[in-house]
């Protein structure tokens, strides 16, 4: 069973694969194998693993409710000219004139 990785949160060996991601029953963490092996990788990547760069155009893959607003970013919305931030999991962009920070896991190139 060396094929199944340890939990990156509690380092437990009781993890299992549920078809889409690995789950740790001890601490409840959900993770993908890529996240564990690329933990030191500071390259921003979209939901499919493609590398993101400043000025890229991306598409939102899920309806997203904007916190503190009644605004909803619909699935399929095209976002042009993203800007990378210091955090590899986030990008800065403008949607309908509002500056918004989006998680890269909800974007595809």
N, C-alpha and C. Protein backbone atom coordinates (compact mmCIF):
# COMPACT_ATOMS: atom_id res chain seq x y z
N UNK A 1 0.81 -1.18 0.00
CA UNK A 1 0.00 0.00 0.00
C UNK A 1 0.86 1.26 0.00
N UNK A 2 2.09 1.18 -0.49
CA UNK A 2 2.94 2.36 -0.58
C UNK A 2 2.43 3.31 -1.66
N UNK A 3 1.41 2.87 -2.43
CA UNK A 3 0.83 3.69 -3.49
C UNK A 3 0.02 4.84 -2.91
N UNK A 4 -0.54 4.68 -1.73
CA UNK A 4 -1.39 5.71 -1.11
C UNK A 4 -0.51 6.61 -0.23
N UNK A 5 -0.55 7.93 -0.46
CA UNK A 5 0.31 8.84 0.31
C UNK A 5 -0.18 9.07 1.73
N UNK A 6 0.72 9.52 2.59
CA UNK A 6 0.37 9.88 3.96
C UNK A 6 -0.38 11.21 3.95
N UNK A 7 -1.13 11.46 5.00
CA UNK A 7 -1.85 12.72 5.14
C UNK A 7 -0.85 13.86 5.34
N UNK A 8 -0.97 14.95 4.56
CA UNK A 8 -0.04 16.07 4.74
C UNK A 8 -0.30 16.88 6.01
N UNK A 9 -1.46 16.71 6.63
CA UNK A 9 -1.81 17.48 7.82
C UNK A 9 -1.33 16.77 9.09
N UNK A 10 -1.74 15.49 9.25
CA UNK A 10 -1.41 14.78 10.49
C UNK A 10 -0.43 13.63 10.28
N UNK A 11 0.03 13.42 9.06
CA UNK A 11 0.97 12.35 8.65
C UNK A 11 0.47 10.93 8.96
N UNK A 12 -0.82 10.77 9.04
CA UNK A 12 -1.40 9.46 9.27
C UNK A 12 -1.30 8.61 8.00
N UNK A 13 -1.18 7.31 8.17
CA UNK A 13 -1.11 6.39 7.04
C UNK A 13 -2.47 5.77 6.71
N UNK A 14 -3.53 6.22 7.39
CA UNK A 14 -4.87 5.66 7.21
C UNK A 14 -5.65 6.33 6.09
N UNK A 15 -4.99 6.98 5.15
CA UNK A 15 -5.69 7.67 4.07
C UNK A 15 -6.24 6.68 3.05
N UNK A 16 -7.27 7.13 2.34
CA UNK A 16 -7.86 6.30 1.27
C UNK A 16 -8.28 7.19 0.11
N UNK A 17 -8.42 6.60 -1.07
CA UNK A 17 -8.79 7.31 -2.28
C UNK A 17 -10.28 7.10 -2.52
N UNK A 18 -11.06 8.19 -2.69
CA UNK A 18 -12.51 8.05 -2.88
C UNK A 18 -12.95 8.22 -4.33
N UNK A 19 -12.01 8.22 -5.25
CA UNK A 19 -12.33 8.35 -6.66
C UNK A 19 -11.90 9.67 -7.25
N UNK A 20 -11.88 10.73 -6.44
CA UNK A 20 -11.43 12.03 -6.93
C UNK A 20 -10.28 12.59 -6.10
N UNK A 21 -10.25 12.29 -4.81
CA UNK A 21 -9.17 12.80 -3.97
C UNK A 21 -8.92 11.85 -2.80
N UNK A 22 -7.82 12.08 -2.10
CA UNK A 22 -7.48 11.28 -0.94
C UNK A 22 -8.10 11.90 0.30
N UNK A 23 -8.54 11.05 1.24
CA UNK A 23 -9.19 11.51 2.46
C UNK A 23 -8.52 10.85 3.65
N UNK A 24 -8.32 11.65 4.71
CA UNK A 24 -7.77 11.14 5.96
C UNK A 24 -8.91 11.04 6.97
N UNK A 25 -9.28 9.83 7.39
CA UNK A 25 -10.38 9.69 8.35
C UNK A 25 -10.00 10.17 9.75
N UNK A 26 -8.71 10.27 10.05
CA UNK A 26 -8.29 10.69 11.39
C UNK A 26 -8.51 12.19 11.63
N UNK A 27 -8.08 13.03 10.65
CA UNK A 27 -8.21 14.47 10.85
C UNK A 27 -9.23 15.11 9.91
N UNK A 28 -9.75 14.35 8.94
CA UNK A 28 -10.76 14.87 8.02
C UNK A 28 -10.20 15.65 6.84
N UNK A 29 -8.88 15.63 6.66
CA UNK A 29 -8.27 16.39 5.56
C UNK A 29 -8.58 15.72 4.22
N UNK A 30 -8.79 16.55 3.21
CA UNK A 30 -8.98 16.07 1.84
C UNK A 30 -7.87 16.67 1.00
N UNK A 31 -7.18 15.85 0.23
CA UNK A 31 -6.06 16.36 -0.56
C UNK A 31 -5.88 15.52 -1.81
N UNK A 32 -5.15 16.10 -2.74
CA UNK A 32 -4.82 15.41 -3.98
C UNK A 32 -3.34 15.05 -3.91
N UNK A 33 -2.94 14.01 -4.61
CA UNK A 33 -1.55 13.59 -4.58
C UNK A 33 -0.65 14.72 -5.07
N UNK A 34 -1.10 15.49 -6.06
CA UNK A 34 -0.31 16.59 -6.62
C UNK A 34 -0.01 17.64 -5.56
N UNK A 35 -0.97 17.93 -4.69
CA UNK A 35 -0.78 18.94 -3.66
C UNK A 35 0.33 18.54 -2.71
N UNK A 36 0.43 17.25 -2.41
CA UNK A 36 1.44 16.81 -1.48
C UNK A 36 2.82 16.86 -2.11
N UNK A 37 2.96 16.42 -3.35
CA UNK A 37 4.26 16.40 -3.98
C UNK A 37 4.72 17.78 -4.41
N UNK A 38 3.79 18.71 -4.65
CA UNK A 38 4.15 20.04 -5.09
C UNK A 38 3.98 21.07 -3.98
N UNK A 39 4.05 20.64 -2.74
CA UNK A 39 3.82 21.55 -1.63
C UNK A 39 4.84 22.70 -1.63
N UNK A 40 6.07 22.46 -2.02
CA UNK A 40 7.10 23.49 -2.08
C UNK A 40 7.09 24.23 -3.40
N UNK A 41 6.24 23.87 -4.32
CA UNK A 41 6.17 24.48 -5.63
C UNK A 41 5.36 25.77 -5.55
N UNK A 42 5.98 26.91 -5.85
CA UNK A 42 5.29 28.20 -5.76
C UNK A 42 4.80 28.70 -7.10
N UNK A 43 4.58 27.80 -8.06
CA UNK A 43 4.07 28.19 -9.37
C UNK A 43 2.55 28.13 -9.33
N UNK A 44 1.88 29.25 -9.64
CA UNK A 44 0.41 29.22 -9.65
C UNK A 44 -0.11 28.33 -10.76
N UNK A 45 -1.06 27.45 -10.44
CA UNK A 45 -1.62 26.52 -11.41
C UNK A 45 -3.13 26.56 -11.33
N UNK A 46 -3.79 26.34 -12.48
CA UNK A 46 -5.25 26.31 -12.51
C UNK A 46 -5.76 24.96 -12.05
N UNK A 47 -7.06 24.74 -12.16
CA UNK A 47 -7.67 23.50 -11.67
C UNK A 47 -7.18 22.27 -12.43
N UNK A 48 -6.69 22.45 -13.65
CA UNK A 48 -6.19 21.33 -14.45
C UNK A 48 -4.68 21.16 -14.35
N UNK A 49 -4.00 22.02 -13.60
CA UNK A 49 -2.56 21.92 -13.43
C UNK A 49 -1.76 22.76 -14.41
N UNK A 50 -2.42 23.53 -15.26
CA UNK A 50 -1.70 24.39 -16.21
C UNK A 50 -1.13 25.59 -15.48
N UNK A 51 0.08 25.97 -15.85
CA UNK A 51 0.75 27.10 -15.20
C UNK A 51 0.09 28.41 -15.61
N UNK A 52 -0.16 29.27 -14.63
CA UNK A 52 -0.77 30.58 -14.88
C UNK A 52 0.31 31.66 -14.85
N UNK A 53 0.13 32.67 -15.70
CA UNK A 53 1.07 33.79 -15.76
C UNK A 53 0.29 35.10 -15.80
N UNK A 54 0.97 36.21 -15.48
CA UNK A 54 0.33 37.53 -15.55
C UNK A 54 -0.23 37.77 -16.94
N UNK A 55 -1.45 38.30 -17.00
CA UNK A 55 -2.07 38.64 -18.28
C UNK A 55 -2.84 37.51 -18.94
N UNK A 56 -2.83 36.32 -18.36
CA UNK A 56 -3.58 35.19 -18.93
C UNK A 56 -5.08 35.44 -18.85
N UNK A 57 -5.81 34.79 -19.74
CA UNK A 57 -7.27 34.78 -19.68
C UNK A 57 -7.69 33.42 -19.16
N UNK A 58 -8.62 33.41 -18.22
CA UNK A 58 -9.09 32.17 -17.61
C UNK A 58 -10.61 32.15 -17.59
N UNK A 59 -11.17 30.97 -17.33
CA UNK A 59 -12.61 30.79 -17.24
C UNK A 59 -12.95 30.23 -15.86
N UNK A 60 -14.03 30.73 -15.27
CA UNK A 60 -14.50 30.25 -13.97
C UNK A 60 -15.23 28.93 -14.18
N UNK A 61 -14.91 27.91 -13.37
CA UNK A 61 -15.48 26.57 -13.57
C UNK A 61 -16.66 26.27 -12.64
N UNK A 62 -17.01 27.21 -11.75
CA UNK A 62 -18.08 26.96 -10.77
C UNK A 62 -18.71 28.30 -10.40
N UNK A 63 -20.02 28.31 -10.14
CA UNK A 63 -20.67 29.53 -9.66
C UNK A 63 -20.05 29.91 -8.32
N UNK A 64 -19.62 31.16 -8.20
CA UNK A 64 -18.97 31.63 -6.98
C UNK A 64 -19.73 32.81 -6.40
N UNK A 65 -20.12 32.70 -5.14
CA UNK A 65 -20.78 33.81 -4.44
C UNK A 65 -19.69 34.67 -3.84
N UNK A 66 -19.76 35.97 -4.09
CA UNK A 66 -18.77 36.91 -3.59
C UNK A 66 -19.13 37.28 -2.16
N UNK A 67 -18.19 37.09 -1.24
CA UNK A 67 -18.43 37.39 0.17
C UNK A 67 -18.68 38.88 0.36
N UNK A 68 -19.65 39.21 1.18
CA UNK A 68 -19.97 40.59 1.49
C UNK A 68 -20.72 41.30 0.39
N UNK A 69 -21.25 40.56 -0.55
CA UNK A 69 -21.97 41.15 -1.68
C UNK A 69 -23.04 40.18 -2.14
N UNK A 70 -23.99 40.71 -2.88
CA UNK A 70 -25.02 39.84 -3.45
C UNK A 70 -24.60 39.33 -4.83
N UNK A 71 -23.41 39.72 -5.26
CA UNK A 71 -22.90 39.35 -6.58
C UNK A 71 -22.54 37.87 -6.66
N UNK A 72 -22.87 37.24 -7.79
CA UNK A 72 -22.50 35.85 -8.05
C UNK A 72 -21.75 35.81 -9.37
N UNK A 73 -20.57 35.20 -9.36
CA UNK A 73 -19.80 35.02 -10.59
C UNK A 73 -20.23 33.69 -11.18
N UNK A 74 -20.85 33.74 -12.34
CA UNK A 74 -21.41 32.54 -12.96
C UNK A 74 -20.34 31.66 -13.57
N UNK A 75 -20.60 30.37 -13.60
CA UNK A 75 -19.74 29.40 -14.26
C UNK A 75 -19.62 29.77 -15.74
N UNK A 76 -18.41 29.71 -16.27
CA UNK A 76 -18.20 30.03 -17.67
C UNK A 76 -17.80 31.48 -17.91
N UNK A 77 -17.78 32.30 -16.84
CA UNK A 77 -17.37 33.69 -16.98
C UNK A 77 -15.91 33.76 -17.39
N UNK A 78 -15.61 34.49 -18.44
CA UNK A 78 -14.24 34.64 -18.91
C UNK A 78 -13.62 35.84 -18.22
N UNK A 79 -12.45 35.62 -17.62
CA UNK A 79 -11.73 36.67 -16.91
C UNK A 79 -10.45 36.95 -17.68
N UNK A 80 -10.28 38.19 -18.11
CA UNK A 80 -9.10 38.57 -18.89
C UNK A 80 -8.08 39.28 -18.02
N UNK A 81 -6.83 39.16 -18.39
CA UNK A 81 -5.72 39.89 -17.76
C UNK A 81 -5.64 39.68 -16.25
N UNK A 82 -5.45 38.44 -15.83
CA UNK A 82 -5.28 38.17 -14.40
C UNK A 82 -3.92 38.68 -13.95
N UNK A 83 -3.80 38.96 -12.67
CA UNK A 83 -2.54 39.37 -12.07
C UNK A 83 -2.21 38.40 -10.95
N UNK A 84 -1.00 37.89 -10.93
CA UNK A 84 -0.59 36.95 -9.89
C UNK A 84 -0.34 37.71 -8.59
N UNK A 85 -0.56 37.03 -7.48
CA UNK A 85 -0.32 37.62 -6.16
C UNK A 85 0.85 36.90 -5.51
N UNK A 86 1.18 37.31 -4.29
CA UNK A 86 2.26 36.64 -3.55
C UNK A 86 1.87 35.23 -3.13
N UNK A 87 0.57 34.97 -3.07
CA UNK A 87 0.06 33.65 -2.69
C UNK A 87 -0.21 32.87 -3.98
N UNK A 88 0.45 31.73 -4.21
CA UNK A 88 0.29 31.00 -5.47
C UNK A 88 -1.12 30.48 -5.72
N UNK A 89 -1.95 30.35 -4.70
CA UNK A 89 -3.31 29.82 -4.86
C UNK A 89 -4.33 30.91 -5.19
N UNK A 90 -3.90 32.17 -5.32
CA UNK A 90 -4.83 33.27 -5.56
C UNK A 90 -4.36 34.14 -6.72
N UNK A 91 -5.32 34.67 -7.49
CA UNK A 91 -5.03 35.64 -8.54
C UNK A 91 -5.95 36.84 -8.35
N UNK A 92 -5.48 38.00 -8.76
CA UNK A 92 -6.24 39.23 -8.69
C UNK A 92 -6.78 39.52 -10.07
N UNK A 93 -8.03 39.96 -10.17
CA UNK A 93 -8.63 40.25 -11.48
C UNK A 93 -9.76 41.26 -11.31
N UNK A 94 -10.30 41.71 -12.45
CA UNK A 94 -11.44 42.61 -12.43
C UNK A 94 -12.60 41.92 -13.14
N UNK A 95 -13.75 41.90 -12.46
CA UNK A 95 -14.98 41.34 -13.03
C UNK A 95 -16.06 42.39 -12.84
N UNK A 96 -16.67 42.81 -13.93
CA UNK A 96 -17.72 43.84 -13.92
C UNK A 96 -17.27 45.10 -13.20
N UNK A 97 -16.00 45.49 -13.36
CA UNK A 97 -15.49 46.71 -12.76
C UNK A 97 -15.05 46.57 -11.32
N UNK A 98 -15.25 45.40 -10.71
CA UNK A 98 -14.86 45.18 -9.32
C UNK A 98 -13.57 44.38 -9.27
N UNK A 99 -12.63 44.82 -8.47
CA UNK A 99 -11.38 44.09 -8.29
C UNK A 99 -11.63 42.95 -7.30
N UNK A 100 -11.34 41.71 -7.72
CA UNK A 100 -11.66 40.52 -6.93
C UNK A 100 -10.46 39.59 -6.92
N UNK A 101 -10.25 38.92 -5.80
CA UNK A 101 -9.23 37.88 -5.69
C UNK A 101 -9.93 36.53 -5.80
N UNK A 102 -9.48 35.70 -6.73
CA UNK A 102 -10.08 34.38 -6.93
C UNK A 102 -9.07 33.29 -6.62
N UNK A 103 -9.56 32.17 -6.12
CA UNK A 103 -8.73 30.99 -5.91
C UNK A 103 -8.47 30.32 -7.25
N UNK A 104 -7.25 29.86 -7.46
CA UNK A 104 -6.90 29.24 -8.74
C UNK A 104 -7.58 27.90 -8.93
N UNK A 105 -8.05 27.26 -7.87
CA UNK A 105 -8.72 25.96 -8.00
C UNK A 105 -10.09 26.09 -8.68
N UNK A 106 -10.63 27.31 -8.81
CA UNK A 106 -11.89 27.54 -9.47
C UNK A 106 -11.73 28.10 -10.88
N UNK A 107 -10.51 28.07 -11.41
CA UNK A 107 -10.22 28.64 -12.72
C UNK A 107 -9.63 27.59 -13.65
N UNK A 108 -9.84 27.77 -14.95
CA UNK A 108 -9.14 26.96 -15.94
C UNK A 108 -8.68 27.86 -17.06
N UNK A 109 -7.52 27.54 -17.59
CA UNK A 109 -6.90 28.35 -18.62
C UNK A 109 -7.58 28.15 -19.95
